[in-house]
């Protein structure tokens, strides 16, 4: 089972809000997920990013691959280099 750390879109039309989730790579974007590890709100100034560093590093150690966007968010949050 290929596991990815990716964004799940929430919020209203034209007002996106994202949750950072760990999900099977074959599940739909807003579908079933394994665990929620944080959130990302791009509409606030400054951008609001809250990711549980312990859970994120644990899942990466287990072999979960972050998407490019999530990898950038993890770097910005200083969870990974």
C-alpha atoms as a PDB file:
ATOM      1  CA  UNK A   1       0.000   0.000   0.000  1.00  0.00           C
ATOM      2  CA  UNK A   2       1.503   3.315  -1.113  1.00  0.00           C
ATOM      3  CA  UNK A   3       0.819   5.991   1.484  1.00  0.00           C
ATOM      4  CA  UNK A   4       0.988   9.713   0.733  1.00  0.00           C
ATOM      5  CA  UNK A   5       0.850  12.817   2.906  1.00  0.00           C
ATOM      6  CA  UNK A   6      -1.343  15.239   0.986  1.00  0.00           C
ATOM      7  CA  UNK A   7      -3.934  18.009   1.167  1.00  0.00           C
ATOM      8  CA  UNK A   8      -7.690  17.462   1.499  1.00  0.00           C
ATOM      9  CA  UNK A   9      -9.696  20.451   0.273  1.00  0.00           C
ATOM     10  CA  UNK A  10     -12.342  21.853   2.566  1.00  0.00           C
ATOM     11  CA  UNK A  11     -14.207  25.157   2.718  1.00  0.00           C
ATOM     12  CA  UNK A  12     -16.617  26.962   0.455  1.00  0.00           C
ATOM     13  CA  UNK A  13     -16.370  27.832  -3.217  1.00  0.00           C
ATOM     14  CA  UNK A  14     -13.578  30.379  -3.791  1.00  0.00           C
ATOM     15  CA  UNK A  15     -12.579  30.059  -0.105  1.00  0.00           C
ATOM     16  CA  UNK A  16     -10.343  26.984   0.169  1.00  0.00           C
ATOM     17  CA  UNK A  17      -9.109  25.543   3.451  1.00  0.00           C
ATOM     18  CA  UNK A  18      -6.955  22.432   3.475  1.00  0.00           C
ATOM     19  CA  UNK A  19      -6.357  19.610   5.928  1.00  0.00           C
ATOM     20  CA  UNK A  20      -3.044  17.748   5.803  1.00  0.00           C
ATOM     21  CA  UNK A  21      -3.889  14.042   5.821  1.00  0.00           C
ATOM     22  CA  UNK A  22      -2.171  10.684   5.442  1.00  0.00           C
ATOM     23  CA  UNK A  23      -4.014   8.629   2.822  1.00  0.00           C
ATOM     24  CA  UNK A  24      -3.638   5.703   0.460  1.00  0.00           C
ATOM     25  CA  UNK A  25      -2.398   7.002  -2.892  1.00  0.00           C
ATOM     26  CA  UNK A  26      -5.355   5.388  -4.705  1.00  0.00           C
ATOM     27  CA  UNK A  27      -8.086   7.045  -2.611  1.00  0.00           C
ATOM     28  CA  UNK A  28      -9.780  10.199  -3.988  1.00  0.00           C
ATOM     29  CA  UNK A  29      -8.539  13.675  -2.999  1.00  0.00           C
ATOM     30  CA  UNK A  30     -11.387  14.348  -0.567  1.00  0.00           C
ATOM     31  CA  UNK A  31     -12.119  10.705   0.201  1.00  0.00           C
ATOM     32  CA  UNK A  32     -11.073   8.191   2.813  1.00  0.00           C
ATOM     33  CA  UNK A  33      -7.891   8.913   4.759  1.00  0.00           C
ATOM     34  CA  UNK A  34      -5.858   7.202   7.487  1.00  0.00           C
ATOM     35  CA  UNK A  35      -5.041  10.116   9.798  1.00  0.00           C
ATOM     36  CA  UNK A  36      -5.308  13.908   9.895  1.00  0.00           C
ATOM     37  CA  UNK A  37      -2.032  15.533  10.958  1.00  0.00           C
ATOM     38  CA  UNK A  38      -2.663  19.251  10.462  1.00  0.00           C
ATOM     39  CA  UNK A  39      -4.229  22.056   8.447  1.00  0.00           C
ATOM     40  CA  UNK A  40      -3.293  24.861   6.037  1.00  0.00           C
ATOM     41  CA  UNK A  41      -5.236  28.075   5.431  1.00  0.00           C
ATOM     42  CA  UNK A  42      -3.829  30.094   2.504  1.00  0.00           C
ATOM     43  CA  UNK A  43      -6.359  32.945   2.815  1.00  0.00           C
ATOM     44  CA  UNK A  44      -5.131  34.409   6.095  1.00  0.00           C
ATOM     45  CA  UNK A  45      -2.306  36.932   6.242  1.00  0.00           C
ATOM     46  CA  UNK A  46       0.185  35.529   7.215  1.00  0.00           C
ATOM     47  CA  UNK A  47      -0.627  32.038   5.952  1.00  0.00           C
ATOM     48  CA  UNK A  48      -1.815  29.726   8.747  1.00  0.00           C
ATOM     49  CA  UNK A  49       0.036  26.381   8.809  1.00  0.00           C
ATOM     50  CA  UNK A  50      -0.313  23.943  11.715  1.00  0.00           C
ATOM     51  CA  UNK A  51       1.168  20.468  11.300  1.00  0.00           C
ATOM     52  CA  UNK A  52       1.923  18.005  14.100  1.00  0.00           C
ATOM     53  CA  UNK A  53       5.675  17.535  13.660  1.00  0.00           C
ATOM     54  CA  UNK A  54       5.798  14.300  15.661  1.00  0.00           C
ATOM     55  CA  UNK A  55       3.091  12.611  13.561  1.00  0.00           C
ATOM     56  CA  UNK A  56       4.562  13.894  10.278  1.00  0.00           C
ATOM     57  CA  UNK A  57       8.074  12.628  11.002  1.00  0.00           C
ATOM     58  CA  UNK A  58       6.619   9.335  12.232  1.00  0.00           C
ATOM     59  CA  UNK A  59       4.718   8.778   8.986  1.00  0.00           C
ATOM     60  CA  UNK A  60       7.735   9.796   6.863  1.00  0.00           C
ATOM     61  CA  UNK A  61       9.866   7.303   8.819  1.00  0.00           C
ATOM     62  CA  UNK A  62       7.275   4.606   8.066  1.00  0.00           C
ATOM     63  CA  UNK A  63       7.629   5.325   4.328  1.00  0.00           C
ATOM     64  CA  UNK A  64       4.853   7.824   3.575  1.00  0.00           C
ATOM     65  CA  UNK A  65       5.755  10.204   0.758  1.00  0.00           C
ATOM     66  CA  UNK A  66       4.651  13.854   0.953  1.00  0.00           C
ATOM     67  CA  UNK A  67       3.351  15.542  -2.193  1.00  0.00           C
ATOM     68  CA  UNK A  68       5.332  18.504  -3.551  1.00  0.00           C
ATOM     69  CA  UNK A  69       2.973  21.021  -1.936  1.00  0.00           C
ATOM     70  CA  UNK A  70       3.044  19.281   1.442  1.00  0.00           C
ATOM     71  CA  UNK A  71       6.835  18.972   1.228  1.00  0.00           C
ATOM     72  CA  UNK A  72       7.040  22.753   0.759  1.00  0.00           C
ATOM     73  CA  UNK A  73       4.717  23.282   3.746  1.00  0.00           C
ATOM     74  CA  UNK A  74       6.821  20.939   5.892  1.00  0.00           C
ATOM     75  CA  UNK A  75       9.954  22.883   4.945  1.00  0.00           C
ATOM     76  CA  UNK A  76       8.252  26.188   5.712  1.00  0.00           C
ATOM     77  CA  UNK A  77       7.181  24.804   9.116  1.00  0.00           C
ATOM     78  CA  UNK A  78      10.798  23.626   9.644  1.00  0.00           C
ATOM     79  CA  UNK A  79       9.739  20.011  10.170  1.00  0.00           C
ATOM     80  CA  UNK A  80      12.041  18.738   7.402  1.00  0.00           C
ATOM     81  CA  UNK A  81      15.080  20.287   5.702  1.00  0.00           C
END
